[in-house]
């Protein structure tokens, strides 16, 4: 509050001095001017009565003349004092109202209120820097999972939108430059309940500053940063940023799977994208020539991923210097039919419009579709304001950097095992992926597929540990039983099993659990809630294993061991 009080005293210095001087002169006047008591004797008002009278007279309360009726001189001085104090009060109150209307003072009050609200948090929360498409999606998802978050954004309109969004939890927001350590500190960076910092602004330098400040002020905090620069990504890695998400590289990996492993691509899509594509979409012909229009950062990321899997490529760009060292390159943007014809669009199976101009990208896919209606089209969306146009473009894939980053980060926040599984599954063939996809489809159908992990430890799963301490064997399939009816199975199955660093994909459901084991599950969100109940409640897990209620008396436990 020191800054606020300092600003108030500095701005109100002149009105306060004016008010004090007028009150002082009025009090001295009443003390010096002689009055008359009820006996007709000369009487002088003391300072106490003078201050008392000027106080209620100055505020226009008007209790009357005290302690005796005033003389004409005293009444004349009263008139002067009334007008003087009223003018002083109007001047002071006007100055105070003007101060409250000043933007800088309003920002200071909001920041103080924001800092106090964050300071009083007593449950884990994430610090989100940037409330654009990515930040908004992540905050919304965290709120649905009952996880608190705090938002900083330099744009006041975005903070206003945060207040108006229909979120399940209250999310404090601050308009400030997130690259300033002081703003991060006010937002709870060093708060003991802060579990992670997400640098999601659209400025790589700001994200870098956030990551550096976070690692210096709170080294134990998990730091996740987005970046669109290879140099910046290496810089973030150099000082230990926990997770770095590059939307271009992430989407290139995602799309390259569609070109050479359509079923693996759908598994990837179902695990990371809440609005996944239907199973039938995997049957499209995706092997053959692909045309990449625009060879900037996105185009180069696509080229690196596609070339690793021997996909035939044709590169288009209107900047000849970008294509100087590449074969099968054509100078031109692709908005003209002649350029696309030269690239062999009629025989191609896929086209990617990946320039940094939305109008050009839409023009490219519309022209290409006229030349080859069966073409698989991928279009890059640069501005969120063009969302409606892109939605009606009928493109097979729309590359939205904000959504990609949000899905990647949410996957990492939900469970660190999920990125490990995605990396490991790519070592298998498309037949394996097809089998897994059918299993996923039988569980989720068109519903959102969720994923979560269970760790066998005293903190995360006390019920499992209690049974292991009693020398009971806990099988993996018991965790997938419905606590309300042990003969029914939950809509989920295990994706991966990790023990002492060793990984097993799609483990057997009769596997015996040990302390330290980690299991990655996928299924419906409702199954996760039921499983959480089972691994934390001894009585429920005992019932799922035996079909009986546990006995808590000492004799029964002794007889059981015998």
Protein backbone atom coordinates (compact mmCIF):
# COMPACT_ATOMS: atom_id res chain seq x y z
CA UNK A 1 0.00 0.00 0.00
CA UNK A 2 3.01 2.32 0.30
CA UNK A 3 2.92 3.29 -3.39
CA UNK A 4 -0.81 4.02 -3.29
CA UNK A 5 -0.55 6.14 -0.13
CA UNK A 6 2.44 7.99 -1.53
CA UNK A 7 0.57 8.83 -4.74
CA UNK A 8 -2.52 9.96 -2.80
CA UNK A 9 -0.53 12.21 -0.48
CA UNK A 10 1.46 13.68 -3.35
CA UNK A 11 -1.60 14.44 -5.50
CA UNK A 12 -3.69 15.72 -2.54
CA UNK A 13 -0.92 17.74 -0.93
CA UNK A 14 -2.19 21.14 -2.06
CA UNK A 15 -5.91 20.48 -1.27
CA UNK A 16 -4.98 19.12 2.18
CA UNK A 17 -2.76 22.11 2.95
CA UNK A 18 -5.56 24.46 1.83
CA UNK A 19 -8.09 22.65 4.04
CA UNK A 20 -5.77 22.71 7.08
CA UNK A 21 -4.94 26.40 6.66
CA UNK A 22 -8.62 27.45 6.36
CA UNK A 23 -9.60 25.34 9.39
CA UNK A 24 -6.70 26.75 11.39
CA UNK A 25 -7.57 30.35 10.54
CA UNK A 26 -11.24 29.72 11.40
CA UNK A 27 -10.32 28.18 14.79
CA UNK A 28 -7.91 31.04 15.67
CA UNK A 29 -10.58 33.60 14.70
CA UNK A 30 -13.14 32.08 17.10
CA UNK A 31 -10.55 32.00 19.89
CA UNK A 32 -9.58 35.68 19.44
CA UNK A 33 -13.01 37.24 18.82
CA UNK A 34 -14.65 38.06 22.19
CA UNK A 35 -18.08 36.68 22.96
CA UNK A 36 -20.61 37.12 25.78
CA UNK A 37 -21.77 34.58 28.37
CA UNK A 38 -25.30 34.21 29.78
CA UNK A 39 -24.48 36.81 32.49
CA UNK A 40 -23.42 39.46 29.99
CA UNK A 41 -19.71 39.09 30.79
CA UNK A 42 -16.97 39.07 28.14
CA UNK A 43 -16.08 35.49 27.28
CA UNK A 44 -13.40 34.00 25.00
CA UNK A 45 -13.93 30.61 23.38
CA UNK A 46 -11.17 28.10 24.18
CA UNK A 47 -9.42 26.00 21.50
CA UNK A 48 -11.44 22.87 22.28
CA UNK A 49 -14.81 24.54 21.73
CA UNK A 50 -13.45 26.40 18.68
CA UNK A 51 -12.23 23.19 17.04
CA UNK A 52 -15.50 21.45 17.92
CA UNK A 53 -17.63 24.22 16.45
CA UNK A 54 -15.55 24.60 13.25
CA UNK A 55 -15.62 20.81 12.74
CA UNK A 56 -19.40 20.48 12.62
CA UNK A 57 -19.89 23.90 11.04
CA UNK A 58 -17.38 23.10 8.27
CA UNK A 59 -19.23 19.93 7.39
CA UNK A 60 -22.54 21.90 7.35
CA UNK A 61 -24.08 19.77 10.09
CA UNK A 62 -25.09 22.89 12.04
CA UNK A 63 -25.73 21.99 15.71
CA UNK A 64 -26.11 25.64 16.72
CA UNK A 65 -24.14 28.29 18.63
CA UNK A 66 -22.22 26.86 21.61
CA UNK A 67 -21.79 27.19 24.50
CA UNK A 68 -23.47 30.65 24.47
CA UNK A 69 -25.29 32.62 21.83
CA UNK A 70 -22.86 34.40 19.50
CA UNK A 71 -22.27 38.10 19.23
CA UNK A 72 -22.56 39.88 15.88
CA UNK A 73 -18.76 39.71 15.40
CA UNK A 74 -18.73 35.97 16.03
CA UNK A 75 -21.63 35.44 13.64
CA UNK A 76 -19.87 37.48 10.95
CA UNK A 77 -16.77 35.32 11.40
CA UNK A 78 -18.98 32.22 11.22
CA UNK A 79 -20.27 33.32 7.80
CA UNK A 80 -16.70 33.79 6.55
CA UNK A 81 -15.68 30.39 7.95
CA UNK A 82 -18.68 28.59 6.43
CA UNK A 83 -17.92 29.74 2.88
CA UNK A 84 -14.20 29.20 3.34
CA UNK A 85 -14.52 25.61 4.63
CA UNK A 86 -17.19 24.65 2.07
CA UNK A 87 -14.95 25.86 -0.78
CA UNK A 88 -11.97 23.99 0.74
CA UNK A 89 -14.01 20.79 1.01
CA UNK A 90 -15.27 21.05 -2.59
CA UNK A 91 -11.70 21.60 -3.77
CA UNK A 92 -10.41 18.60 -1.78
CA UNK A 93 -13.24 16.25 -2.75
CA UNK A 94 -12.92 17.25 -6.41
CA UNK A 95 -9.18 16.55 -6.33
CA UNK A 96 -9.83 13.16 -4.69
CA UNK A 97 -12.40 12.19 -7.35
CA UNK A 98 -10.03 13.30 -10.10
CA UNK A 99 -7.33 11.07 -8.56
CA UNK A 100 -9.68 8.06 -8.53
CA UNK A 101 -10.42 8.61 -12.23
CA UNK A 102 -6.75 8.63 -13.23
CA UNK A 103 -5.79 5.43 -15.13
CA UNK A 104 -2.49 5.04 -13.26
CA UNK A 105 -4.21 5.13 -9.87
CA UNK A 106 -6.85 2.64 -11.04
CA UNK A 107 -4.11 0.29 -12.26
CA UNK A 108 -2.33 0.54 -8.91
CA UNK A 109 -5.53 -0.31 -7.02
CA UNK A 110 -6.28 -3.25 -9.32
CA UNK A 111 -2.74 -4.56 -9.02
CA UNK A 112 -2.87 -4.31 -5.22
CA UNK A 113 -6.22 -6.12 -5.15
CA UNK A 114 -4.91 -8.75 -7.57
CA UNK A 115 -1.73 -9.34 -5.54
CA UNK A 116 -3.71 -9.72 -2.31
CA UNK A 117 -6.09 -12.22 -3.94
CA UNK A 118 -3.21 -14.33 -5.24
CA UNK A 119 -1.38 -14.09 -1.93
CA UNK A 120 -4.38 -15.64 -0.17
CA UNK A 121 -4.42 -18.72 -2.44
CA UNK A 122 -4.07 -21.94 -0.45
CA UNK A 123 -4.33 -24.48 -3.27
CA UNK A 124 -2.09 -25.30 -6.29
CA UNK A 125 -2.33 -22.98 -9.29
CA UNK A 126 -0.63 -22.30 -12.63
CA UNK A 127 0.62 -18.87 -13.69
CA UNK A 128 -0.53 -18.26 -17.30
CA UNK A 129 1.30 -15.49 -19.17
CA UNK A 130 -0.80 -14.57 -22.20
CA UNK A 131 -4.57 -15.00 -22.59
CA UNK A 132 -4.87 -15.47 -26.32
CA UNK A 133 -6.21 -18.58 -28.07
CA UNK A 134 -3.69 -20.83 -26.33
CA UNK A 135 -4.01 -19.31 -22.89
CA UNK A 136 -7.80 -19.21 -23.07
CA UNK A 137 -8.05 -22.89 -24.03
CA UNK A 138 -5.68 -23.95 -21.26
CA UNK A 139 -7.38 -21.87 -18.56
CA UNK A 140 -10.78 -23.21 -19.58
CA UNK A 141 -9.54 -26.80 -19.45
CA UNK A 142 -7.81 -26.31 -16.10
CA UNK A 143 -10.97 -24.82 -14.63
CA UNK A 144 -13.01 -27.81 -15.78
CA UNK A 145 -10.54 -30.05 -13.96
CA UNK A 146 -10.82 -27.97 -10.78
CA UNK A 147 -7.30 -26.51 -11.08
CA UNK A 148 -6.79 -22.83 -10.23
CA UNK A 149 -4.88 -20.45 -12.48
CA UNK A 150 -3.71 -16.84 -12.56
CA UNK A 151 -3.44 -14.80 -15.78
CA UNK A 152 -1.17 -11.95 -16.89
CA UNK A 153 -1.65 -10.23 -20.24
CA UNK A 154 -0.50 -6.87 -21.55
CA UNK A 155 -3.83 -6.32 -23.38
CA UNK A 156 -6.61 -4.93 -21.15
CA UNK A 157 -9.29 -6.22 -23.55
CA UNK A 158 -8.12 -9.79 -22.99
CA UNK A 159 -8.25 -9.35 -19.21
CA UNK A 160 -11.77 -7.93 -19.59
CA UNK A 161 -12.68 -10.99 -21.65
CA UNK A 162 -11.32 -13.18 -18.88
CA UNK A 163 -13.78 -11.57 -16.48
CA UNK A 164 -16.67 -12.20 -18.87
CA UNK A 165 -15.79 -15.78 -19.85
CA UNK A 166 -18.00 -18.42 -18.30
CA UNK A 167 -15.29 -20.24 -16.33
CA UNK A 168 -15.97 -22.82 -13.67
CA UNK A 169 -13.55 -21.17 -11.24
CA UNK A 170 -12.64 -17.59 -10.40
CA UNK A 171 -9.45 -16.66 -12.32
CA UNK A 172 -7.64 -13.45 -11.22
CA UNK A 173 -6.25 -11.41 -14.11
CA UNK A 174 -3.68 -8.61 -14.27
CA UNK A 175 -2.91 -6.22 -17.12
CA UNK A 176 0.88 -6.01 -17.08
CA UNK A 177 4.02 -6.78 -19.06
CA UNK A 178 4.76 -10.40 -18.15
CA UNK A 179 8.44 -9.96 -19.03
CA UNK A 180 8.87 -7.79 -15.90
CA UNK A 181 9.92 -9.85 -12.85
CA UNK A 182 7.91 -7.58 -10.54
CA UNK A 183 4.69 -8.42 -12.41
CA UNK A 184 5.47 -12.14 -12.19
CA UNK A 185 6.14 -11.81 -8.48
CA UNK A 186 2.81 -10.04 -7.92
CA UNK A 187 1.13 -12.85 -9.87
CA UNK A 188 2.47 -15.44 -7.42
CA UNK A 189 5.63 -16.75 -9.07
CA UNK A 190 7.26 -17.23 -5.66
CA UNK A 191 4.02 -18.30 -3.98
CA UNK A 192 4.45 -21.76 -2.38
CA UNK A 193 1.26 -23.00 -4.13
CA UNK A 194 2.43 -22.04 -7.63
CA UNK A 195 3.20 -25.31 -9.43
CA UNK A 196 4.13 -24.02 -12.88
CA UNK A 197 4.56 -21.06 -15.23
CA UNK A 198 3.26 -21.10 -18.81
CA UNK A 199 4.83 -18.52 -21.16
CA UNK A 200 2.23 -18.31 -23.94
CA UNK A 201 2.54 -14.79 -25.36
CA UNK A 202 2.95 -14.24 -29.10
CA UNK A 203 6.37 -12.66 -28.59
CA UNK A 204 9.33 -15.03 -28.35
CA UNK A 205 11.50 -12.48 -26.52
CA UNK A 206 8.83 -12.00 -23.86
CA UNK A 207 8.49 -15.76 -23.44
CA UNK A 208 12.25 -16.03 -23.08
CA UNK A 209 12.27 -13.30 -20.40
CA UNK A 210 9.47 -15.07 -18.50
CA UNK A 211 11.31 -18.39 -18.59
CA UNK A 212 14.59 -16.82 -17.39
CA UNK A 213 12.91 -14.90 -14.55
CA UNK A 214 11.02 -18.03 -13.48
CA UNK A 215 14.13 -20.18 -13.34
CA UNK A 216 16.05 -17.52 -11.39
CA UNK A 217 13.32 -16.55 -8.90
CA UNK A 218 11.76 -19.99 -8.47
CA UNK A 219 14.08 -22.72 -9.82
CA UNK A 220 11.73 -25.54 -8.75
CA UNK A 221 8.79 -24.27 -10.81
CA UNK A 222 7.84 -26.16 -13.96
CA UNK A 223 8.27 -23.78 -16.91
CA UNK A 224 6.48 -24.34 -20.23
CA UNK A 225 7.16 -21.97 -23.10
CA UNK A 226 5.94 -21.61 -26.66
CA UNK A 227 8.33 -20.48 -29.36
CA UNK A 228 8.34 -20.04 -33.10
CA UNK A 229 12.08 -19.62 -33.48
CA UNK A 230 14.71 -22.36 -33.61
CA UNK A 231 17.28 -20.00 -32.06
CA UNK A 232 14.93 -19.13 -29.23
CA UNK A 233 14.15 -22.81 -28.67
CA UNK A 234 17.85 -23.59 -28.23
CA UNK A 235 18.16 -20.65 -25.86
CA UNK A 236 15.26 -21.92 -23.76
CA UNK A 237 16.81 -25.38 -23.61
CA UNK A 238 20.16 -23.98 -22.49
CA UNK A 239 18.93 -22.90 -19.05
CA UNK A 240 16.60 -25.80 -18.32
CA UNK A 241 13.12 -24.85 -19.54
CA UNK A 242 11.04 -27.93 -18.76
CA UNK A 243 8.83 -28.05 -21.87
CA UNK A 244 9.24 -26.14 -25.14
CA UNK A 245 6.40 -26.23 -27.66
CA UNK A 246 7.03 -25.20 -31.25
CA UNK A 247 3.67 -25.11 -33.10
CA UNK A 248 5.27 -25.51 -36.52
CA UNK A 249 7.35 -28.52 -35.58
CA UNK A 250 4.50 -30.06 -33.57
CA UNK A 251 2.07 -29.77 -36.46
CA UNK A 252 4.66 -31.01 -38.92
CA UNK A 253 5.06 -34.19 -36.85
CA UNK A 254 1.29 -34.51 -36.65
CA UNK A 255 0.77 -34.05 -40.38
CA UNK A 256 3.64 -36.27 -41.48
CA UNK A 257 1.92 -39.18 -39.74
CA UNK A 258 -1.12 -38.58 -41.96
CA UNK A 259 1.10 -38.90 -45.02
CA UNK A 260 2.76 -42.21 -44.16
CA UNK A 261 0.84 -43.73 -41.19
CA UNK A 262 -2.84 -42.70 -41.26
CA UNK A 263 -3.88 -44.93 -38.34
CA UNK A 264 -0.96 -43.82 -36.19
CA UNK A 265 -1.94 -40.26 -37.08
CA UNK A 266 -5.45 -40.84 -35.76
CA UNK A 267 -4.15 -42.36 -32.51
CA UNK A 268 -2.04 -39.23 -32.07
CA UNK A 269 -5.06 -37.07 -32.90
CA UNK A 270 -7.37 -38.86 -30.46
CA UNK A 271 -4.90 -38.57 -27.59
CA UNK A 272 -4.07 -34.88 -28.03
CA UNK A 273 -7.09 -33.30 -29.69
CA UNK A 274 -10.36 -33.27 -27.71
CA UNK A 275 -12.31 -32.82 -30.97
CA UNK A 276 -10.72 -35.74 -32.79
CA UNK A 277 -11.46 -36.77 -36.34
CA UNK A 278 -13.68 -39.84 -36.99
CA UNK A 279 -12.21 -43.27 -37.59
CA UNK A 280 -13.46 -43.29 -41.19
CA UNK A 281 -11.14 -40.39 -42.11
CA UNK A 282 -8.11 -42.70 -41.94
CA UNK A 283 -9.10 -44.53 -45.12
CA UNK A 284 -8.10 -41.68 -47.43
CA UNK A 285 -5.25 -42.23 -49.84
CA UNK A 286 -2.33 -40.29 -48.39
CA UNK A 287 0.71 -41.91 -50.04
CA UNK A 288 2.13 -40.07 -53.05
CA UNK A 289 3.29 -36.56 -53.95
CA UNK A 290 2.67 -33.65 -51.60
CA UNK A 291 2.97 -29.97 -52.55
CA UNK A 292 4.16 -27.46 -49.95
CA UNK A 293 3.22 -23.86 -50.81
CA UNK A 294 5.29 -21.42 -48.74
CA UNK A 295 8.76 -22.42 -47.60
CA UNK A 296 9.12 -20.36 -44.45
CA UNK A 297 9.52 -21.74 -40.94
CA UNK A 298 6.38 -23.89 -41.23
CA UNK A 299 7.33 -25.21 -44.66
CA UNK A 300 10.83 -26.12 -43.54
CA UNK A 301 9.51 -27.95 -40.48
CA UNK A 302 7.18 -29.93 -42.77
CA UNK A 303 10.02 -30.67 -45.17
CA UNK A 304 12.23 -32.10 -42.41
CA UNK A 305 9.47 -34.39 -41.12
CA UNK A 306 8.27 -35.55 -44.54
CA UNK A 307 11.71 -36.22 -45.96
CA UNK A 308 12.56 -38.56 -43.07
CA UNK A 309 9.79 -40.87 -44.29
CA UNK A 310 10.67 -40.63 -47.99
CA UNK A 311 7.56 -38.69 -48.95
CA UNK A 312 7.73 -37.22 -52.45
CA UNK A 313 7.66 -33.41 -52.18
CA UNK A 314 7.36 -30.39 -54.46
CA UNK A 315 8.25 -27.01 -52.91
CA UNK A 316 6.70 -23.68 -53.95
CA UNK A 317 7.73 -20.21 -52.81
CA UNK A 318 7.90 -16.78 -54.45
CA UNK A 319 11.32 -16.13 -52.88
CA UNK A 320 13.96 -17.87 -55.00
CA UNK A 321 16.58 -17.64 -52.23
CA UNK A 322 14.48 -19.92 -50.01
CA UNK A 323 14.54 -22.68 -52.64
CA UNK A 324 18.14 -22.34 -53.84
CA UNK A 325 19.44 -25.55 -52.23
CA UNK A 326 16.45 -27.80 -52.88
CA UNK A 327 15.40 -30.05 -55.74
CA UNK A 328 11.83 -30.27 -57.03
CA UNK A 329 11.37 -26.57 -56.25
CA UNK A 330 9.24 -24.15 -58.25
CA UNK A 331 9.31 -20.39 -57.91
CA UNK A 332 5.76 -19.19 -57.33
CA UNK A 333 3.24 -18.94 -54.54
CA UNK A 334 0.62 -21.39 -55.76
CA UNK A 335 -2.26 -18.93 -56.03
CA UNK A 336 -2.04 -19.28 -59.83
CA UNK A 337 -3.30 -22.39 -61.58
CA UNK A 338 -0.27 -22.45 -63.90
CA UNK A 339 2.14 -22.77 -60.98
CA UNK A 340 0.11 -25.58 -59.42
CA UNK A 341 -0.10 -27.37 -62.77
CA UNK A 342 3.68 -27.13 -63.09
CA UNK A 343 3.95 -28.70 -59.63
CA UNK A 344 1.81 -31.63 -60.77
CA UNK A 345 -1.30 -30.89 -58.73
CA UNK A 346 -3.48 -33.22 -60.80
CA UNK A 347 -1.39 -36.24 -59.77
CA UNK A 348 -0.68 -35.11 -56.19
CA UNK A 349 -2.45 -36.56 -53.16
CA UNK A 350 -1.95 -33.62 -50.82
CA UNK A 351 -1.33 -29.88 -50.80
CA UNK A 352 -0.26 -27.67 -47.89
CA UNK A 353 -0.96 -23.94 -48.03
CA UNK A 354 1.49 -22.75 -45.38
CA UNK A 355 2.25 -19.09 -46.10
CA UNK A 356 1.93 -16.38 -43.46
CA UNK A 357 -0.95 -14.72 -45.37
CA UNK A 358 -4.47 -16.08 -44.81
CA UNK A 359 -5.87 -14.71 -48.06
CA UNK A 360 -3.11 -16.40 -50.06
CA UNK A 361 -3.61 -19.70 -48.22
CA UNK A 362 -7.35 -19.77 -48.91
CA UNK A 363 -6.77 -18.82 -52.54
CA UNK A 364 -4.24 -21.65 -52.93
CA UNK A 365 -6.54 -24.41 -51.67
CA UNK A 366 -9.55 -23.12 -53.64
CA UNK A 367 -7.51 -23.07 -56.86
CA UNK A 368 -5.98 -26.48 -56.13
CA UNK A 369 -9.35 -28.08 -55.36
CA UNK A 370 -10.72 -26.91 -58.72
CA UNK A 371 -7.81 -28.64 -60.44
CA UNK A 372 -7.98 -31.80 -58.31
CA UNK A 373 -11.17 -32.28 -56.24
CA UNK A 374 -9.75 -35.41 -54.56
CA UNK A 375 -6.76 -33.54 -53.17
CA UNK A 376 -6.09 -33.68 -49.40
CA UNK A 377 -5.80 -30.02 -48.41
CA UNK A 378 -3.99 -28.56 -45.41
CA UNK A 379 -4.22 -24.83 -44.70
CA UNK A 380 -2.43 -22.68 -42.16
CA UNK A 381 -4.58 -20.20 -40.22
CA UNK A 382 -2.61 -17.15 -39.08
CA UNK A 383 -5.30 -14.90 -37.59
CA UNK A 384 -8.04 -16.04 -35.23
CA UNK A 385 -10.36 -13.39 -36.70
CA UNK A 386 -10.52 -15.50 -39.89
CA UNK A 387 -11.78 -18.55 -38.02
CA UNK A 388 -15.27 -18.45 -39.60
CA UNK A 389 -13.85 -18.29 -43.13
CA UNK A 390 -11.48 -21.19 -42.49
CA UNK A 391 -14.25 -23.25 -40.92
CA UNK A 392 -16.20 -22.99 -44.17
CA UNK A 393 -13.19 -23.58 -46.42
CA UNK A 394 -13.79 -27.37 -46.33
CA UNK A 395 -10.06 -27.99 -45.88
CA UNK A 396 -9.18 -31.45 -44.55
CA UNK A 397 -6.75 -30.01 -41.96
CA UNK A 398 -6.59 -26.51 -40.50
CA UNK A 399 -3.34 -25.64 -38.79
CA UNK A 400 -4.14 -23.35 -35.83
CA UNK A 401 -0.92 -22.64 -33.86
CA UNK A 402 -2.82 -21.62 -30.71
CA UNK A 403 -4.87 -24.82 -30.55
CA UNK A 404 -1.84 -26.98 -31.28
CA UNK A 405 0.15 -25.44 -28.45
CA UNK A 406 -2.79 -25.70 -26.06
CA UNK A 407 -3.33 -29.39 -26.79
CA UNK A 408 0.39 -30.16 -26.43
CA UNK A 409 0.71 -28.31 -23.14
CA UNK A 410 -2.47 -29.79 -21.70
CA UNK A 411 -1.17 -33.24 -22.55
CA UNK A 412 2.04 -32.52 -20.63
CA UNK A 413 0.17 -31.04 -17.68
CA UNK A 414 -2.30 -33.92 -17.47
CA UNK A 415 0.39 -36.57 -17.27
CA UNK A 416 4.10 -36.57 -18.19
CA UNK A 417 3.65 -40.18 -19.37
CA UNK A 418 1.53 -39.21 -22.38
CA UNK A 419 4.35 -37.56 -24.41
CA UNK A 420 6.52 -40.60 -23.59
CA UNK A 421 3.85 -42.94 -24.93
CA UNK A 422 3.41 -40.89 -28.13
CA UNK A 423 7.14 -41.03 -28.76
CA UNK A 424 7.32 -44.78 -28.11
CA UNK A 425 4.27 -45.74 -30.18
CA UNK A 426 5.84 -44.36 -33.34
CA UNK A 427 8.26 -47.28 -33.27
CA UNK A 428 5.35 -49.58 -34.17
CA UNK A 429 3.68 -50.07 -37.55
CA UNK A 430 0.31 -48.89 -38.79
CA UNK A 431 -1.30 -52.31 -38.22
CA UNK A 432 -0.53 -52.03 -34.50
CA UNK A 433 -1.98 -48.51 -34.52
CA UNK A 434 -5.13 -49.74 -36.30
CA UNK A 435 -5.69 -52.34 -33.58
CA UNK A 436 -5.19 -49.73 -30.86
CA UNK A 437 -7.53 -47.33 -32.65
CA UNK A 438 -10.31 -49.92 -32.77
CA UNK A 439 -9.90 -50.44 -29.03
CA UNK A 440 -10.07 -46.69 -28.43
CA UNK A 441 -13.14 -46.41 -30.64
CA UNK A 442 -14.95 -49.15 -28.71
CA UNK A 443 -14.38 -47.14 -25.52
CA UNK A 444 -14.99 -43.55 -26.65
CA UNK A 445 -16.87 -43.76 -29.96
CA UNK A 446 -17.43 -40.06 -30.76
CA UNK A 447 -16.90 -38.82 -27.17
CA UNK A 448 -13.76 -37.03 -26.03
CA UNK A 449 -11.00 -39.48 -25.14
CA UNK A 450 -9.15 -38.55 -21.96
CA UNK A 451 -5.87 -39.82 -20.51
CA UNK A 452 -4.44 -39.94 -17.00
CA UNK A 453 -1.79 -41.74 -14.99
CA UNK A 454 -1.75 -43.65 -11.72
CA UNK A 455 1.43 -43.81 -9.64
CA UNK A 456 1.75 -46.50 -6.98
CA UNK A 457 2.95 -44.50 -3.98
CA UNK A 458 1.78 -43.61 -0.50
CA UNK A 459 0.93 -40.06 -1.55
CA UNK A 460 -0.80 -40.79 -4.88
CA UNK A 461 -2.49 -44.15 -4.20
CA UNK A 462 -2.68 -44.91 -0.46
CA UNK A 463 -5.26 -47.69 -0.90
CA UNK A 464 -2.95 -49.73 -3.15
CA UNK A 465 -0.02 -49.27 -0.76
CA UNK A 466 -2.15 -50.31 2.23
CA UNK A 467 -3.00 -53.62 0.53
CA UNK A 468 0.60 -54.18 -0.56
CA UNK A 469 1.68 -53.65 3.06
CA UNK A 470 -0.69 -56.49 3.98
CA UNK A 471 1.08 -58.73 1.43
CA UNK A 472 -1.95 -58.66 -0.88
CA UNK A 473 -1.47 -58.95 -4.64
CA UNK A 474 -3.05 -56.06 -6.50
CA UNK A 475 -3.66 -56.72 -10.18
CA UNK A 476 -3.88 -53.98 -12.77
CA UNK A 477 -7.36 -54.98 -13.92
CA UNK A 478 -8.81 -54.36 -10.43
CA UNK A 479 -8.24 -50.63 -10.92
CA UNK A 480 -10.49 -50.71 -13.99
CA UNK A 481 -13.52 -52.10 -12.12
CA UNK A 482 -16.51 -49.91 -11.35
CA UNK A 483 -16.57 -49.10 -7.58
CA UNK A 484 -20.37 -49.16 -7.68
CA UNK A 485 -20.50 -52.66 -9.18
CA UNK A 486 -17.32 -54.76 -9.25
CA UNK A 487 -18.63 -56.97 -12.07
CA UNK A 488 -18.72 -53.96 -14.42
CA UNK A 489 -15.61 -52.49 -16.07
CA UNK A 490 -14.86 -48.79 -16.39
CA UNK A 491 -14.66 -47.34 -19.94
CA UNK A 492 -10.85 -47.29 -20.01
CA UNK A 493 -7.76 -49.45 -20.59
CA UNK A 494 -3.99 -49.14 -19.93
CA UNK A 495 -1.77 -47.62 -22.61
CA UNK A 496 1.62 -47.93 -20.97
CA UNK A 497 3.27 -49.40 -17.89
CA UNK A 498 6.55 -48.05 -16.47
CA UNK A 499 8.60 -49.79 -13.79
CA UNK A 500 12.14 -48.72 -12.87
CA UNK A 501 12.47 -46.89 -16.19
CA UNK A 502 11.37 -49.89 -18.30
CA UNK A 503 8.38 -49.27 -20.56
CA UNK A 504 5.69 -51.67 -21.72
CA UNK A 505 3.03 -50.49 -24.18
CA UNK A 506 -0.47 -51.97 -23.88
CA UNK A 507 0.43 -54.06 -20.80
CA UNK A 508 -1.45 -57.16 -19.71
CA UNK A 509 -4.32 -56.41 -17.37
CA UNK A 510 -3.24 -59.19 -14.97
CA UNK A 511 0.08 -57.49 -14.21
CA UNK A 512 0.87 -57.28 -10.49
CA UNK A 513 1.52 -53.80 -9.13
CA UNK A 514 4.54 -52.76 -7.07
CA UNK A 515 5.52 -49.57 -5.31
CA UNK A 516 6.88 -47.05 -7.79
CA UNK A 517 4.94 -48.36 -10.79
CA UNK A 518 3.33 -45.84 -13.15
CA UNK A 519 0.42 -46.70 -15.43
CA UNK A 520 -0.95 -44.52 -18.24
CA UNK A 521 -4.68 -45.03 -18.92
CA UNK A 522 -6.99 -43.71 -21.61
CA UNK A 523 -10.77 -43.64 -21.58
CA UNK A 524 -13.67 -41.41 -20.67
CA UNK A 525 -13.24 -38.70 -18.04
CA UNK A 526 -15.88 -40.36 -15.85
CA UNK A 527 -13.66 -43.44 -15.57
CA UNK A 528 -10.82 -41.33 -14.19
CA UNK A 529 -13.06 -40.01 -11.42
CA UNK A 530 -14.12 -43.53 -10.43
CA UNK A 531 -10.53 -44.80 -10.52
CA UNK A 532 -9.38 -41.94 -8.30
CA UNK A 533 -11.95 -43.11 -5.80
CA UNK A 534 -10.63 -46.67 -5.93
CA UNK A 535 -6.90 -45.95 -5.52
CA UNK A 536 -7.49 -43.59 -2.59
CA UNK A 537 -10.09 -45.52 -0.60
CA UNK A 538 -8.98 -48.77 1.05
CA UNK A 539 -12.51 -50.08 1.60
CA UNK A 540 -13.47 -49.67 -2.04
CA UNK A 541 -10.31 -51.28 -3.43
CA UNK A 542 -10.66 -54.18 -0.97
CA UNK A 543 -14.24 -54.66 -2.17
CA UNK A 544 -13.14 -54.62 -5.82
CA UNK A 545 -10.55 -57.32 -5.09
CA UNK A 546 -12.57 -59.64 -2.85
CA UNK A 547 -16.21 -58.68 -3.19
CA UNK A 548 -16.37 -58.29 0.59
CA UNK A 549 -16.29 -55.44 3.06
CA UNK A 550 -12.98 -55.22 4.98
CA UNK A 551 -13.00 -56.13 8.66
CA UNK A 552 -11.32 -53.60 10.90
CA UNK A 553 -11.21 -55.50 14.20
CA UNK A 554 -7.91 -56.95 15.38
CA UNK A 555 -9.11 -60.56 15.73
CA UNK A 556 -10.34 -60.67 12.14
CA UNK A 557 -7.02 -59.36 10.86
CA UNK A 558 -5.08 -61.98 12.85
CA UNK A 559 -7.30 -64.81 11.60
CA UNK A 560 -6.93 -63.55 8.05
CA UNK A 561 -3.15 -63.69 8.26
CA UNK A 562 -3.33 -67.24 9.73
